[in-house]
Amino acid sequence: MFYGETATMKEKELLMAQLDWSQCPAVESIPGKRSGAWVFKGTRMPVSAVFENLQDMSIDELVEEFGVTREQV
């Protein structure tokens, strides 16, 4: 599945659901925190927010805009 600006929101959500985030040490999912969505560890920033902006922003812009580290991105 292509993940870019032509993908619909539903396609993007499906892709996010298909990834096994449990193996990534930089993220966590806690029931009651952002409705259990995958967020960067120690933050309330959803991983999906970064994915949704990858095409339009540089890594440095993502770091500045969302308050995450380069390592997290």
Protein backbone atom coordinates (compact mmCIF):
# COMPACT_ATOMS: atom_id res chain seq x y z
CA MET A 1 0.00 0.00 0.00
CA PHE A 2 1.32 3.43 -0.92
CA TYR A 3 1.52 5.89 1.94
CA GLY A 4 1.60 9.40 0.56
CA GLU A 5 -0.52 12.41 -0.08
CA THR A 6 -2.80 10.41 -2.39
CA ALA A 7 -3.68 7.93 0.36
CA THR A 8 -7.00 8.48 2.06
CA MET A 9 -7.25 8.93 5.82
CA LYS A 10 -8.80 5.46 6.06
CA GLU A 11 -5.82 3.96 4.16
CA LYS A 12 -3.40 5.74 6.49
CA GLU A 13 -5.26 4.45 9.56
CA LEU A 14 -5.18 0.93 8.14
CA LEU A 15 -1.44 1.12 7.56
CA MET A 16 -0.84 2.37 11.11
CA ALA A 17 -2.94 -0.51 12.46
CA GLN A 18 -0.94 -3.07 10.45
CA LEU A 19 2.44 -2.09 11.88
CA ASP A 20 3.60 -3.99 14.99
CA TRP A 21 4.47 -1.06 17.22
CA SER A 22 4.92 -3.31 20.26
CA GLN A 23 8.46 -4.10 19.07
CA CYS A 24 9.50 -0.43 18.90
CA PRO A 25 11.16 0.81 22.11
CA ALA A 26 10.48 4.47 21.27
CA VAL A 27 6.70 4.19 21.54
CA GLU A 28 4.07 3.03 24.01
CA SER A 29 0.34 2.41 24.14
CA ILE A 30 -1.33 2.94 27.49
CA PRO A 31 -5.10 2.53 27.90
CA GLY A 32 -6.55 5.88 28.94
CA LYS A 33 -3.67 7.85 27.44
CA ARG A 34 -4.77 9.22 24.06
CA SER A 35 -7.39 6.43 23.92
CA GLY A 36 -4.65 3.79 23.80
CA ALA A 37 -3.14 5.19 20.59
CA TRP A 38 0.58 4.59 20.03
CA VAL A 39 2.47 7.63 21.32
CA PHE A 40 6.14 8.45 21.65
CA LYS A 41 7.34 7.13 25.01
CA GLY A 42 7.01 9.71 27.78
CA THR A 43 4.80 12.00 25.65
CA ARG A 44 1.21 12.33 24.54
CA MET A 45 2.31 12.80 20.91
CA PRO A 46 0.68 10.19 18.65
CA VAL A 47 3.01 8.39 16.27
CA SER A 48 0.34 8.87 13.60
CA ALA A 49 0.81 12.68 13.76
CA VAL A 50 4.41 12.30 12.61
CA PHE A 51 3.48 9.82 9.86
CA GLU A 52 0.79 12.16 8.59
CA ASN A 53 3.36 14.96 8.19
CA LEU A 54 6.43 13.06 6.94
CA GLN A 55 5.90 13.99 3.32
CA ASP A 56 5.49 17.71 3.99
CA MET A 57 8.08 18.32 6.71
CA SER A 58 11.77 17.63 7.27
CA ILE A 59 12.90 15.65 10.31
CA ASP A 60 14.17 18.87 11.91
CA GLU A 61 10.77 20.51 11.34
CA LEU A 62 8.99 17.50 12.85
CA VAL A 63 11.27 17.62 15.91
CA GLU A 64 10.59 21.31 16.42
CA GLU A 65 6.86 21.19 15.70
CA PHE A 66 5.97 18.08 17.71
CA GLY A 67 8.53 18.16 20.52
CA VAL A 68 9.99 14.75 19.78
CA THR A 69 13.65 13.80 19.31
CA ARG A 70 15.40 12.89 16.07
CA GLU A 71 15.84 9.40 17.47
CA GLN A 72 12.12 9.05 18.00
CA VAL A 73 11.38 10.16 14.46
